[in-house]
Amino acid sequence: MMKNNKVYKWLLNRADRQADNIWIFAVGTVLFFFGVGVILYSESTLTPSVGQEIIVLIGFILAIIGGITAIIGYLSLSLLRFLRFTTGERIKPPSADSPTDTIEETGESQKKSL
């Protein structure tokens, strides 16, 4: 039970890191397309040989790693945020920069005259 709670807290914490999740998604996308580019380049320009197959294998590995990384980043951006909103839990405490309600601070009910 304790391990599941730690994983759950880690997932909620990961959901609050939007900039990191976008970075993970972007790096994964770049790696994926670079790997696909290596495959296409070697298939169209290099002569069939063992060297070409090794280069295609390297491109394939880069594409797989990039695809998995992009999927992790995308799921962190979408599904983990949805998980956090549905549970109603907050990992980050409110910051000092959070806006406050000025009506409650004055203690008076302000009415607009028409």
PDB file of N, CA and C in Angstrom:
ATOM      1  N   MET A   1       0.823  -1.192   0.000  1.00  0.00           N
ATOM      2  CA  MET A   1       0.000   0.000   0.000  1.00  0.00           C
ATOM      3  C   MET A   1       0.867   1.255   0.000  1.00  0.00           C
ATOM      4  N   MET A   2       1.992   1.207   0.716  1.00  0.00           N
ATOM      5  CA  MET A   2       2.870   2.363   0.795  1.00  0.00           C
ATOM      6  C   MET A   2       3.517   2.657  -0.559  1.00  0.00           C
ATOM      7  N   LYS A   3       3.878   1.605  -1.290  1.00  0.00           N
ATOM      8  CA  LYS A   3       4.515   1.800  -2.586  1.00  0.00           C
ATOM      9  C   LYS A   3       3.536   2.449  -3.564  1.00  0.00           C
ATOM     10  N   ASN A   4       2.291   2.025  -3.565  1.00  0.00           N
ATOM     11  CA  ASN A   4       1.298   2.611  -4.452  1.00  0.00           C
ATOM     12  C   ASN A   4       1.079   4.079  -4.134  1.00  0.00           C
ATOM     13  N   ASN A   5       1.131   4.435  -2.872  1.00  0.00           N
ATOM     14  CA  ASN A   5       0.950   5.820  -2.475  1.00  0.00           C
ATOM     15  C   ASN A   5       2.113   6.670  -2.980  1.00  0.00           C
ATOM     16  N   LYS A   6       3.328   6.147  -2.921  1.00  0.00           N
ATOM     17  CA  LYS A   6       4.488   6.880  -3.420  1.00  0.00           C
ATOM     18  C   LYS A   6       4.402   7.086  -4.926  1.00  0.00           C
ATOM     19  N   VAL A   7       3.992   6.053  -5.652  1.00  0.00           N
ATOM     20  CA  VAL A   7       3.845   6.169  -7.104  1.00  0.00           C
ATOM     21  C   VAL A   7       2.757   7.177  -7.440  1.00  0.00           C
ATOM     22  N   TYR A   8       1.659   7.145  -6.718  1.00  0.00           N
ATOM     23  CA  TYR A   8       0.555   8.075  -6.940  1.00  0.00           C
ATOM     24  C   TYR A   8       1.002   9.513  -6.701  1.00  0.00           C
ATOM     25  N   LYS A   9       1.725   9.753  -5.620  1.00  0.00           N
ATOM     26  CA  LYS A   9       2.239  11.098  -5.339  1.00  0.00           C
ATOM     27  C   LYS A   9       3.233  11.539  -6.409  1.00  0.00           C
ATOM     28  N   TRP A  10       4.069  10.596  -6.880  1.00  0.00           N
ATOM     29  CA  TRP A  10       5.025  10.934  -7.927  1.00  0.00           C
ATOM     30  C   TRP A  10       4.303  11.315  -9.213  1.00  0.00           C
ATOM     31  N   LEU A  11       3.240  10.583  -9.551  1.00  0.00           N
ATOM     32  CA  LEU A  11       2.471  10.907 -10.756  1.00  0.00           C
ATOM     33  C   LEU A  11       1.810  12.279 -10.638  1.00  0.00           C
ATOM     34  N   LEU A  12       1.254  12.591  -9.477  1.00  0.00           N
ATOM     35  CA  LEU A  12       0.649  13.904  -9.293  1.00  0.00           C
ATOM     36  C   LEU A  12       1.706  15.007  -9.342  1.00  0.00           C
ATOM     37  N   ASN A  13       2.877  14.740  -8.793  1.00  0.00           N
ATOM     38  CA  ASN A  13       3.966  15.717  -8.843  1.00  0.00           C
ATOM     39  C   ASN A  13       4.435  15.916 -10.281  1.00  0.00           C
ATOM     40  N   ARG A  14       4.522  14.850 -11.061  1.00  0.00           N
ATOM     41  CA  ARG A  14       4.909  14.932 -12.467  1.00  0.00           C
ATOM     42  C   ARG A  14       3.876  15.747 -13.261  1.00  0.00           C
ATOM     43  N   ALA A  15       2.611  15.648 -12.896  1.00  0.00           N
ATOM     44  CA  ALA A  15       1.559  16.385 -13.603  1.00  0.00           C
ATOM     45  C   ALA A  15       1.690  17.883 -13.400  1.00  0.00           C
ATOM     46  N   ASP A  16       2.254  18.316 -12.285  1.00  0.00           N
ATOM     47  CA  ASP A  16       2.398  19.743 -12.011  1.00  0.00           C
ATOM     48  C   ASP A  16       3.597  20.361 -12.709  1.00  0.00           C
ATOM     49  N   ARG A  17       4.424  19.574 -13.349  1.00  0.00           N
ATOM     50  CA  ARG A  17       5.623  20.092 -14.012  1.00  0.00           C
ATOM     51  C   ARG A  17       5.380  20.196 -15.520  1.00  0.00           C
ATOM     52  N   GLN A  18       4.596  21.175 -15.924  1.00  0.00           N
ATOM     53  CA  GLN A  18       4.240  21.303 -17.334  1.00  0.00           C
ATOM     54  C   GLN A  18       5.434  21.619 -18.214  1.00  0.00           C
ATOM     55  N   ALA A  19       6.303  22.508 -17.775  1.00  0.00           N
ATOM     56  CA  ALA A  19       7.451  22.882 -18.601  1.00  0.00           C
ATOM     57  C   ALA A  19       8.364  21.679 -18.839  1.00  0.00           C
ATOM     58  N   ASP A  20       8.577  20.874 -17.815  1.00  0.00           N
ATOM     59  CA  ASP A  20       9.400  19.673 -17.974  1.00  0.00           C
ATOM     60  C   ASP A  20       8.735  18.674 -18.919  1.00  0.00           C
ATOM     61  N   ASN A  21       7.414  18.536 -18.818  1.00  0.00           N
ATOM     62  CA  ASN A  21       6.691  17.605 -19.677  1.00  0.00           C
ATOM     63  C   ASN A  21       6.727  18.046 -21.140  1.00  0.00           C
ATOM     64  N   ILE A  22       6.631  19.344 -21.376  1.00  0.00           N
ATOM     65  CA  ILE A  22       6.730  19.848 -22.749  1.00  0.00           C
ATOM     66  C   ILE A  22       8.136  19.601 -23.288  1.00  0.00           C
ATOM     67  N   TRP A  23       9.147  19.805 -22.435  1.00  0.00           N
ATOM     68  CA  TRP A  23      10.529  19.559 -22.835  1.00  0.00           C
ATOM     69  C   TRP A  23      10.739  18.088 -23.189  1.00  0.00           C
ATOM     70  N   ILE A  24      10.212  17.184 -22.377  1.00  0.00           N
ATOM     71  CA  ILE A  24      10.323  15.741 -22.653  1.00  0.00           C
ATOM     72  C   ILE A  24       9.643  15.404 -23.975  1.00  0.00           C
ATOM     73  N   PHE A  25       8.461  15.962 -24.206  1.00  0.00           N
ATOM     74  CA  PHE A  25       7.740  15.712 -25.449  1.00  0.00           C
ATOM     75  C   PHE A  25       8.513  16.242 -26.653  1.00  0.00           C
ATOM     76  N   ALA A  26       9.076  17.445 -26.534  1.00  0.00           N
ATOM     77  CA  ALA A  26       9.807  18.045 -27.654  1.00  0.00           C
ATOM     78  C   ALA A  26      11.078  17.267 -27.980  1.00  0.00           C
ATOM     79  N   VAL A  27      11.820  16.872 -26.952  1.00  0.00           N
ATOM     80  CA  VAL A  27      13.049  16.110 -27.182  1.00  0.00           C
ATOM     81  C   VAL A  27      12.721  14.758 -27.823  1.00  0.00           C
ATOM     82  N   GLY A  28      11.667  14.106 -27.343  1.00  0.00           N
ATOM     83  CA  GLY A  28      11.261  12.835 -27.930  1.00  0.00           C
ATOM     84  C   GLY A  28      10.841  12.967 -29.375  1.00  0.00           C
ATOM     85  N   THR A  29      10.131  14.032 -29.696  1.00  0.00           N
ATOM     86  CA  THR A  29       9.704  14.254 -31.075  1.00  0.00           C
ATOM     87  C   THR A  29      10.900  14.496 -31.990  1.00  0.00           C
ATOM     88  N   VAL A  30      11.846  15.303 -31.522  1.00  0.00           N
ATOM     89  CA  VAL A  30      13.047  15.571 -32.334  1.00  0.00           C
ATOM     90  C   VAL A  30      13.842  14.285 -32.555  1.00  0.00           C
ATOM     91  N   LEU A  31      14.015  13.491 -31.507  1.00  0.00           N
ATOM     92  CA  LEU A  31      14.741  12.226 -31.655  1.00  0.00           C
ATOM     93  C   LEU A  31      14.041  11.279 -32.626  1.00  0.00           C
ATOM     94  N   PHE A  32      12.720  11.216 -32.531  1.00  0.00           N
ATOM     95  CA  PHE A  32      11.954  10.340 -33.418  1.00  0.00           C
ATOM     96  C   PHE A  32      12.158  10.737 -34.876  1.00  0.00           C
ATOM     97  N   PHE A  33      11.970  12.028 -35.173  1.00  0.00           N
ATOM     98  CA  PHE A  33      12.098  12.453 -36.559  1.00  0.00           C
ATOM     99  C   PHE A  33      13.546  12.408 -37.052  1.00  0.00           C
ATOM    100  N   PHE A  34      14.501  12.599 -36.167  1.00  0.00           N
ATOM    101  CA  PHE A  34      15.901  12.443 -36.561  1.00  0.00           C
ATOM    102  C   PHE A  34      16.183  10.987 -36.933  1.00  0.00           C
ATOM    103  N   GLY A  35      15.676  10.055 -36.132  1.00  0.00           N
ATOM    104  CA  GLY A  35      15.851   8.636 -36.442  1.00  0.00           C
ATOM    105  C   GLY A  35      15.197   8.246 -37.754  1.00  0.00           C
ATOM    106  N   VAL A  36      13.995   8.757 -37.992  1.00  0.00           N
ATOM    107  CA  VAL A  36      13.314   8.470 -39.263  1.00  0.00           C
ATOM    108  C   VAL A  36      14.088   9.093 -40.419  1.00  0.00           C
ATOM    109  N   GLY A  37      14.638  10.291 -40.194  1.00  0.00           N
ATOM    110  CA  GLY A  37      15.439  10.930 -41.240  1.00  0.00           C
ATOM    111  C   GLY A  37      16.688  10.138 -41.570  1.00  0.00           C
ATOM    112  N   VAL A  38      17.340   9.585 -40.555  1.00  0.00           N
ATOM    113  CA  VAL A  38      18.524   8.751 -40.785  1.00  0.00           C
ATOM    114  C   VAL A  38      18.148   7.518 -41.606  1.00  0.00           C
ATOM    115  N   ILE A  39      17.014   6.920 -41.280  1.00  0.00           N
ATOM    116  CA  ILE A  39      16.560   5.737 -42.025  1.00  0.00           C
ATOM    117  C   ILE A  39      16.294   6.094 -43.485  1.00  0.00           C
ATOM    118  N   LEU A  40      15.555   7.161 -43.717  1.00  0.00           N
ATOM    119  CA  LEU A  40      15.226   7.545 -45.084  1.00  0.00           C
ATOM    120  C   LEU A  40      16.462   7.950 -45.876  1.00  0.00           C
ATOM    121  N   TYR A  41      17.366   8.667 -45.235  1.00  0.00           N
ATOM    122  CA  TYR A  41      18.596   9.078 -45.916  1.00  0.00           C
ATOM    123  C   TYR A  41      19.435   7.872 -46.315  1.00  0.00           C
ATOM    124  N   SER A  42      19.617   6.948 -45.394  1.00  0.00           N
ATOM    125  CA  SER A  42      20.472   5.797 -45.697  1.00  0.00           C
ATOM    126  C   SER A  42      19.833   4.866 -46.720  1.00  0.00           C
ATOM    127  N   GLU A  43      18.515   4.771 -46.723  1.00  0.00           N
ATOM    128  CA  GLU A  43      17.837   3.912 -47.698  1.00  0.00           C
ATOM    129  C   GLU A  43      17.910   4.497 -49.104  1.00  0.00           C
ATOM    130  N   SER A  44      17.900   5.825 -49.200  1.00  0.00           N
ATOM    131  CA  SER A  44      17.852   6.424 -50.537  1.00  0.00           C
ATOM    132  C   SER A  44      19.232   6.748 -51.111  1.00  0.00           C
ATOM    133  N   THR A  45      20.251   6.926 -50.282  1.00  0.00           N
ATOM    134  CA  THR A  45      21.545   7.366 -50.811  1.00  0.00           C
ATOM    135  C   THR A  45      22.659   6.333 -50.690  1.00  0.00           C
ATOM    136  N   LEU A  46      22.622   5.478 -49.713  1.00  0.00           N
ATOM    137  CA  LEU A  46      23.717   4.519 -49.527  1.00  0.00           C
ATOM    138  C   LEU A  46      23.460   3.241 -50.324  1.00  0.00           C
ATOM    139  N   THR A  47      24.541   2.618 -50.767  1.00  0.00           N
ATOM    140  CA  THR A  47      24.412   1.355 -51.481  1.00  0.00           C
ATOM    141  C   THR A  47      24.100   0.240 -50.483  1.00  0.00           C
ATOM    142  N   PRO A  48      23.342  -0.742 -50.895  1.00  0.00           N
ATOM    143  CA  PRO A  48      23.017  -1.840 -49.981  1.00  0.00           C
ATOM    144  C   PRO A  48      24.277  -2.556 -49.495  1.00  0.00           C
ATOM    145  N   SER A  49      24.455  -2.552 -48.184  1.00  0.00           N
ATOM    146  CA  SER A  49      25.617  -3.201 -47.571  1.00  0.00           C
ATOM    147  C   SER A  49      25.330  -3.411 -46.093  1.00  0.00           C
ATOM    148  N   VAL A  50      26.268  -4.016 -45.412  1.00  0.00           N
ATOM    149  CA  VAL A  50      26.137  -4.219 -43.972  1.00  0.00           C
ATOM    150  C   VAL A  50      26.209  -2.870 -43.257  1.00  0.00           C
ATOM    151  N   GLY A  51      27.051  -1.978 -43.755  1.00  0.00           N
ATOM    152  CA  GLY A  51      27.164  -0.642 -43.165  1.00  0.00           C
ATOM    153  C   GLY A  51      25.850   0.121 -43.229  1.00  0.00           C
ATOM    154  N   GLN A  52      25.161  -0.002 -44.369  1.00  0.00           N
ATOM    155  CA  GLN A  52      23.854   0.655 -44.496  1.00  0.00           C
ATOM    156  C   GLN A  52      22.868   0.076 -43.490  1.00  0.00           C
ATOM    157  N   GLU A  53      22.881  -1.207 -43.308  1.00  0.00           N
ATOM    158  CA  GLU A  53      21.953  -1.838 -42.366  1.00  0.00           C
ATOM    159  C   GLU A  53      22.254  -1.419 -40.930  1.00  0.00           C
ATOM    160  N   ILE A  54      23.520  -1.238 -40.612  1.00  0.00           N
ATOM    161  CA  ILE A  54      23.883  -0.777 -39.263  1.00  0.00           C
ATOM    162  C   ILE A  54      23.398   0.653 -39.047  1.00  0.00           C
ATOM    163  N   ILE A  55      23.541   1.499 -40.065  1.00  0.00           N
ATOM    164  CA  ILE A  55      23.059   2.879 -39.956  1.00  0.00           C
ATOM    165  C   ILE A  55      21.541   2.901 -39.829  1.00  0.00           C
ATOM    166  N   VAL A  56      20.855   2.056 -40.585  1.00  0.00           N
ATOM    167  CA  VAL A  56      19.398   1.964 -40.465  1.00  0.00           C
ATOM    168  C   VAL A  56      19.013   1.473 -39.071  1.00  0.00           C
ATOM    169  N   LEU A  57      19.746   0.543 -38.529  1.00  0.00           N
ATOM    170  CA  LEU A  57      19.482   0.046 -37.173  1.00  0.00           C
ATOM    171  C   LEU A  57      19.649   1.164 -36.146  1.00  0.00           C
ATOM    172  N   ILE A  58      20.694   1.977 -36.287  1.00  0.00           N
ATOM    173  CA  ILE A  58      20.902   3.105 -35.371  1.00  0.00           C
ATOM    174  C   ILE A  58      19.735   4.094 -35.486  1.00  0.00           C
ATOM    175  N   GLY A  59      19.317   4.377 -36.716  1.00  0.00           N
ATOM    176  CA  GLY A  59      18.167   5.259 -36.916  1.00  0.00           C
ATOM    177  C   GLY A  59      16.896   4.681 -36.321  1.00  0.00           C
ATOM    178  N   PHE A  60      16.732   3.375 -36.460  1.00  0.00           N
ATOM    179  CA  PHE A  60      15.556   2.702 -35.902  1.00  0.00           C
ATOM    180  C   PHE A  60      15.546   2.783 -34.381  1.00  0.00           C
ATOM    181  N   ILE A  61      16.700   2.587 -33.765  1.00  0.00           N
ATOM    182  CA  ILE A  61      16.804   2.676 -32.301  1.00  0.00           C
ATOM    183  C   ILE A  61      16.516   4.099 -31.834  1.00  0.00           C
ATOM    184  N   LEU A  62      17.060   5.097 -32.551  1.00  0.00           N
ATOM    185  CA  LEU A  62      16.774   6.495 -32.203  1.00  0.00           C
ATOM    186  C   LEU A  62      15.285   6.807 -32.337  1.00  0.00           C
ATOM    187  N   ALA A  63      14.656   6.290 -33.387  1.00  0.00           N
ATOM    188  CA  ALA A  63      13.231   6.529 -33.589  1.00  0.00           C
ATOM    189  C   ALA A  63      12.399   5.883 -32.482  1.00  0.00           C
ATOM    190  N   ILE A  64      12.771   4.696 -32.060  1.00  0.00           N
ATOM    191  CA  ILE A  64      12.033   4.022 -30.987  1.00  0.00           C
ATOM    192  C   ILE A  64      12.187   4.779 -29.671  1.00  0.00           C
ATOM    193  N   ILE A  65      13.426   5.151 -29.329  1.00  0.00           N
ATOM    194  CA  ILE A  65      13.660   5.888 -28.077  1.00  0.00           C
ATOM    195  C   ILE A  65      12.916   7.224 -28.112  1.00  0.00           C
ATOM    196  N   GLY A  66      12.998   7.921 -29.240  1.00  0.00           N
ATOM    197  CA  GLY A  66      12.293   9.196 -29.370  1.00  0.00           C
ATOM    198  C   GLY A  66      10.791   9.046 -29.297  1.00  0.00           C
ATOM    199  N   GLY A  67      10.262   8.004 -29.915  1.00  0.00           N
ATOM    200  CA  GLY A  67       8.820   7.778 -29.862  1.00  0.00           C
ATOM    201  C   GLY A  67       8.322   7.488 -28.456  1.00  0.00           C
ATOM    202  N   ILE A  68       9.058   6.664 -27.735  1.00  0.00           N
ATOM    203  CA  ILE A  68       8.681   6.350 -26.352  1.00  0.00           C
ATOM    204  C   ILE A  68       8.772   7.596 -25.472  1.00  0.00           C
ATOM    205  N   THR A  69       9.823   8.384 -25.673  1.00  0.00           N
ATOM    206  CA  THR A  69       9.982   9.608 -24.890  1.00  0.00           C
ATOM    207  C   THR A  69       8.868  10.602 -25.196  1.00  0.00           C
ATOM    208  N   ALA A  70       8.509  10.745 -26.466  1.00  0.00           N
ATOM    209  CA  ALA A  70       7.425  11.653 -26.843  1.00  0.00           C
ATOM    210  C   ALA A  70       6.093  11.185 -26.264  1.00  0.00           C
ATOM    211  N   ILE A  71       5.856   9.893 -26.249  1.00  0.00           N
ATOM    212  CA  ILE A  71       4.617   9.364 -25.677  1.00  0.00           C
ATOM    213  C   ILE A  71       4.562   9.650 -24.176  1.00  0.00           C
ATOM    214  N   ILE A  72       5.677   9.453 -23.488  1.00  0.00           N
ATOM    215  CA  ILE A  72       5.717   9.732 -22.047  1.00  0.00           C
ATOM    216  C   ILE A  72       5.437  11.207 -21.785  1.00  0.00           C
ATOM    217  N   GLY A  73       6.055  12.087 -22.567  1.00  0.00           N
ATOM    218  CA  GLY A  73       5.821  13.519 -22.402  1.00  0.00           C
ATOM    219  C   GLY A  73       4.386  13.908 -22.688  1.00  0.00           C
ATOM    220  N   TYR A  74       3.810  13.330 -23.735  1.00  0.00           N
ATOM    221  CA  TYR A  74       2.424  13.657 -24.088  1.00  0.00           C
ATOM    222  C   TYR A  74       1.446  13.148 -23.041  1.00  0.00           C
ATOM    223  N   LEU A  75       1.664  11.939 -22.562  1.00  0.00           N
ATOM    224  CA  LEU A  75       0.786  11.400 -21.527  1.00  0.00           C
ATOM    225  C   LEU A  75       0.920  12.190 -20.231  1.00  0.00           C
ATOM    226  N   SER A  76       2.112  12.664 -19.935  1.00  0.00           N
ATOM    227  CA  SER A  76       2.291  13.498 -18.750  1.00  0.00           C
ATOM    228  C   SER A  76       1.556  14.821 -18.896  1.00  0.00           C
ATOM    229  N   LEU A  77       1.511  15.339 -20.113  1.00  0.00           N
ATOM    230  CA  LEU A  77       0.799  16.597 -20.346  1.00  0.00           C
ATOM    231  C   LEU A  77      -0.714  16.427 -20.279  1.00  0.00           C
ATOM    232  N   SER A  78      -1.219  15.293 -20.740  1.00  0.00           N
ATOM    233  CA  SER A  78      -2.665  15.151 -20.852  1.00  0.00           C
ATOM    234  C   SER A  78      -3.277  14.283 -19.749  1.00  0.00           C
ATOM    235  N   LEU A  79      -2.923  13.032 -19.694  1.00  0.00           N
ATOM    236  CA  LEU A  79      -3.588  12.111 -18.767  1.00  0.00           C
ATOM    237  C   LEU A  79      -3.256  12.397 -17.308  1.00  0.00           C
ATOM    238  N   LEU A  80      -2.004  12.741 -17.012  1.00  0.00           N
ATOM    239  CA  LEU A  80      -1.663  13.007 -15.618  1.00  0.00           C
ATOM    240  C   LEU A  80      -2.329  14.288 -15.126  1.00  0.00           C
ATOM    241  N   ARG A  81      -2.456  15.288 -15.994  1.00  0.00           N
ATOM    242  CA  ARG A  81      -3.171  16.507 -15.599  1.00  0.00           C
ATOM    243  C   ARG A  81      -4.644  16.171 -15.343  1.00  0.00           C
ATOM    244  N   PHE A  82      -5.206  15.323 -16.177  1.00  0.00           N
ATOM    245  CA  PHE A  82      -6.592  14.911 -15.976  1.00  0.00           C
ATOM    246  C   PHE A  82      -6.737  14.165 -14.651  1.00  0.00           C
ATOM    247  N   LEU A  83      -5.777  13.321 -14.325  1.00  0.00           N
ATOM    248  CA  LEU A  83      -5.794  12.599 -13.049  1.00  0.00           C
ATOM    249  C   LEU A  83      -5.762  13.567 -11.882  1.00  0.00           C
ATOM    250  N   ARG A  84      -4.925  14.585 -11.974  1.00  0.00           N
ATOM    251  CA  ARG A  84      -4.814  15.545 -10.890  1.00  0.00           C
ATOM    252  C   ARG A  84      -6.104  16.341 -10.729  1.00  0.00           C
ATOM    253  N   PHE A  85      -6.727  16.733 -11.820  1.00  0.00           N
ATOM    254  CA  PHE A  85      -7.966  17.498 -11.726  1.00  0.00           C
ATOM    255  C   PHE A  85      -9.127  16.654 -11.201  1.00  0.00           C
ATOM    256  N   THR A  86      -9.178  15.384 -11.560  1.00  0.00           N
ATOM    257  CA  THR A  86     -10.288  14.548 -11.098  1.00  0.00           C
ATOM    258  C   THR A  86     -10.170  14.199  -9.624  1.00  0.00           C
ATOM    259  N   THR A  87      -8.941  14.079  -9.118  1.00  0.00           N
ATOM    260  CA  THR A  87      -8.791  13.747  -7.700  1.00  0.00           C
ATOM    261  C   THR A  87      -8.942  14.973  -6.817  1.00  0.00           C
ATOM    262  N   GLY A  88      -8.706  16.149  -7.368  1.00  0.00           N
ATOM    263  CA  GLY A  88      -8.838  17.376  -6.597  1.00  0.00           C
ATOM    264  C   GLY A  88      -7.688  17.627  -5.648  1.00  0.00           C
ATOM    265  N   GLU A  89      -6.627  16.846  -5.755  1.00  0.00           N
ATOM    266  CA  GLU A  89      -5.473  17.025  -4.871  1.00  0.00           C
ATOM    267  C   GLU A  89      -4.500  18.006  -5.490  1.00  0.00           C
ATOM    268  N   ARG A  90      -3.824  18.738  -4.626  1.00  0.00           N
ATOM    269  CA  ARG A  90      -2.780  19.658  -5.061  1.00  0.00           C
ATOM    270  C   ARG A  90      -1.478  19.247  -4.402  1.00  0.00           C
ATOM    271  N   ILE A  91      -0.459  19.173  -5.193  1.00  0.00           N
ATOM    272  CA  ILE A  91       0.866  18.891  -4.658  1.00  0.00           C
ATOM    273  C   ILE A  91       1.553  20.203  -4.299  1.00  0.00           C
ATOM    274  N   LYS A  92       1.466  21.188  -5.185  1.00  0.00           N
ATOM    275  CA  LYS A  92       2.106  22.474  -4.935  1.00  0.00           C
ATOM    276  C   LYS A  92       1.266  23.296  -3.963  1.00  0.00           C
ATOM    277  N   PRO A  93       1.870  23.855  -2.948  1.00  0.00           N
ATOM    278  CA  PRO A  93       1.112  24.777  -2.092  1.00  0.00           C
ATOM    279  C   PRO A  93       0.917  26.099  -2.826  1.00  0.00           C
ATOM    280  N   PRO A  94      -0.114  26.858  -2.474  1.00  0.00           N
ATOM    281  CA  PRO A  94      -0.295  28.149  -3.135  1.00  0.00           C
ATOM    282  C   PRO A  94       0.910  29.041  -2.892  1.00  0.00           C
ATOM    283  N   SER A  95       1.321  29.752  -3.920  1.00  0.00           N
ATOM    284  CA  SER A  95       2.506  30.602  -3.791  1.00  0.00           C
ATOM    285  C   SER A  95       2.118  31.972  -3.262  1.00  0.00           C
ATOM    286  N   ALA A  96       3.119  32.745  -2.895  1.00  0.00           N
ATOM    287  CA  ALA A  96       2.880  34.098  -2.382  1.00  0.00           C
ATOM    288  C   ALA A  96       2.390  35.022  -3.485  1.00  0.00           C
ATOM    289  N   ASP A  97       2.610  34.642  -4.724  1.00  0.00           N
ATOM    290  CA  ASP A  97       2.192  35.460  -5.846  1.00  0.00           C
ATOM    291  C   ASP A  97       0.749  35.216  -6.259  1.00  0.00           C
ATOM    292  N   SER A  98       0.069  34.281  -5.587  1.00  0.00           N
ATOM    293  CA  SER A  98      -1.298  33.978  -5.989  1.00  0.00           C
ATOM    294  C   SER A  98      -2.207  35.160  -5.686  1.00  0.00           C
ATOM    295  N   PRO A  99      -3.149  35.432  -6.581  1.00  0.00           N
ATOM    296  CA  PRO A  99      -4.026  36.592  -6.388  1.00  0.00           C
ATOM    297  C   PRO A  99      -4.954  36.395  -5.195  1.00  0.00           C
ATOM    298  N   THR A 100      -5.246  37.484  -4.526  1.00  0.00           N
ATOM    299  CA  THR A 100      -6.160  37.427  -3.386  1.00  0.00           C
ATOM    300  C   THR A 100      -7.417  38.213  -3.724  1.00  0.00           C
ATOM    301  N   ASP A 101      -8.462  37.928  -3.032  1.00  0.00           N
ATOM    302  CA  ASP A 101      -9.732  38.596  -3.262  1.00  0.00           C
ATOM    303  C   ASP A 101      -9.747  39.900  -2.467  1.00  0.00           C
ATOM    304  N   THR A 102      -9.864  41.009  -3.143  1.00  0.00           N
ATOM    305  CA  THR A 102      -9.801  42.306  -2.472  1.00  0.00           C
ATOM    306  C   THR A 102     -11.064  42.598  -1.685  1.00  0.00           C
ATOM    307  N   ILE A 103     -12.172  42.010  -2.046  1.00  0.00           N
ATOM    308  CA  ILE A 103     -13.420  42.252  -1.323  1.00  0.00           C
ATOM    309  C   ILE A 103     -13.338  41.663   0.077  1.00  0.00           C
ATOM    310  N   GLU A 104     -12.764  40.483   0.191  1.00  0.00           N
ATOM    311  CA  GLU A 104     -12.649  39.851   1.499  1.00  0.00           C
ATOM    312  C   GLU A 104     -11.638  40.572   2.382  1.00  0.00           C
ATOM    313  N   GLU A 105     -10.643  41.191   1.785  1.00  0.00           N
ATOM    314  CA  GLU A 105      -9.629  41.866   2.583  1.00  0.00           C
ATOM    315  C   GLU A 105     -10.182  43.121   3.263  1.00  0.00           C
ATOM    316  N   THR A 106     -11.049  43.840   2.602  1.00  0.00           N
ATOM    317  CA  THR A 106     -11.572  45.066   3.192  1.00  0.00           C
ATOM    318  C   THR A 106     -12.632  44.776   4.236  1.00  0.00           C
ATOM    319  N   GLY A 107     -13.282  43.637   4.138  1.00  0.00           N
ATOM    320  CA  GLY A 107     -14.285  43.270   5.126  1.00  0.00           C
ATOM    321  C   GLY A 107     -15.640  43.934   4.879  1.00  0.00           C
ATOM    322  N   GLU A 108     -15.761  44.688   3.851  1.00  0.00           N
ATOM    323  CA  GLU A 108     -17.006  45.377   3.555  1.00  0.00           C
ATOM    324  C   GLU A 108     -17.618  44.757   2.309  1.00  0.00           C
ATOM    325  N   SER A 109     -18.924  44.775   2.270  1.00  0.00           N
ATOM    326  CA  SER A 109     -19.578  44.356   1.048  1.00  0.00           C
ATOM    327  C   SER A 109     -19.775  45.596   0.185  1.00  0.00           C
ATOM    328  N   GLN A 110     -19.206  45.556  -0.971  1.00  0.00           N
ATOM    329  CA  GLN A 110     -19.260  46.718  -1.845  1.00  0.00           C
ATOM    330  C   GLN A 110     -20.401  46.522  -2.837  1.00  0.00           C
ATOM    331  N   LYS A 111     -21.255  47.523  -2.896  1.00  0.00           N
ATOM    332  CA  LYS A 111     -22.391  47.482  -3.820  1.00  0.00           C
ATOM    333  C   LYS A 111     -22.196  48.525  -4.889  1.00  0.00           C
ATOM    334  N   LYS A 112     -22.514  48.159  -6.078  1.00  0.00           N
ATOM    335  CA  LYS A 112     -22.428  49.121  -7.170  1.00  0.00           C
ATOM    336  C   LYS A 112     -23.746  49.865  -7.279  1.00  0.00           C
ATOM    337  N   SER A 113     -23.649  51.142  -7.381  1.00  0.00           N
ATOM    338  CA  SER A 113     -24.868  51.926  -7.552  1.00  0.00           C
ATOM    339  C   SER A 113     -25.133  52.063  -9.047  1.00  0.00           C
ATOM    340  N   LEU A 114     -26.372  51.872  -9.390  1.00  0.00           N
ATOM    341  CA  LEU A 114     -26.724  51.953 -10.808  1.00  0.00           C
ATOM    342  C   LEU A 114     -27.252  53.282 -11.172  1.00  0.00           C
TER     343      LEU A 114
END
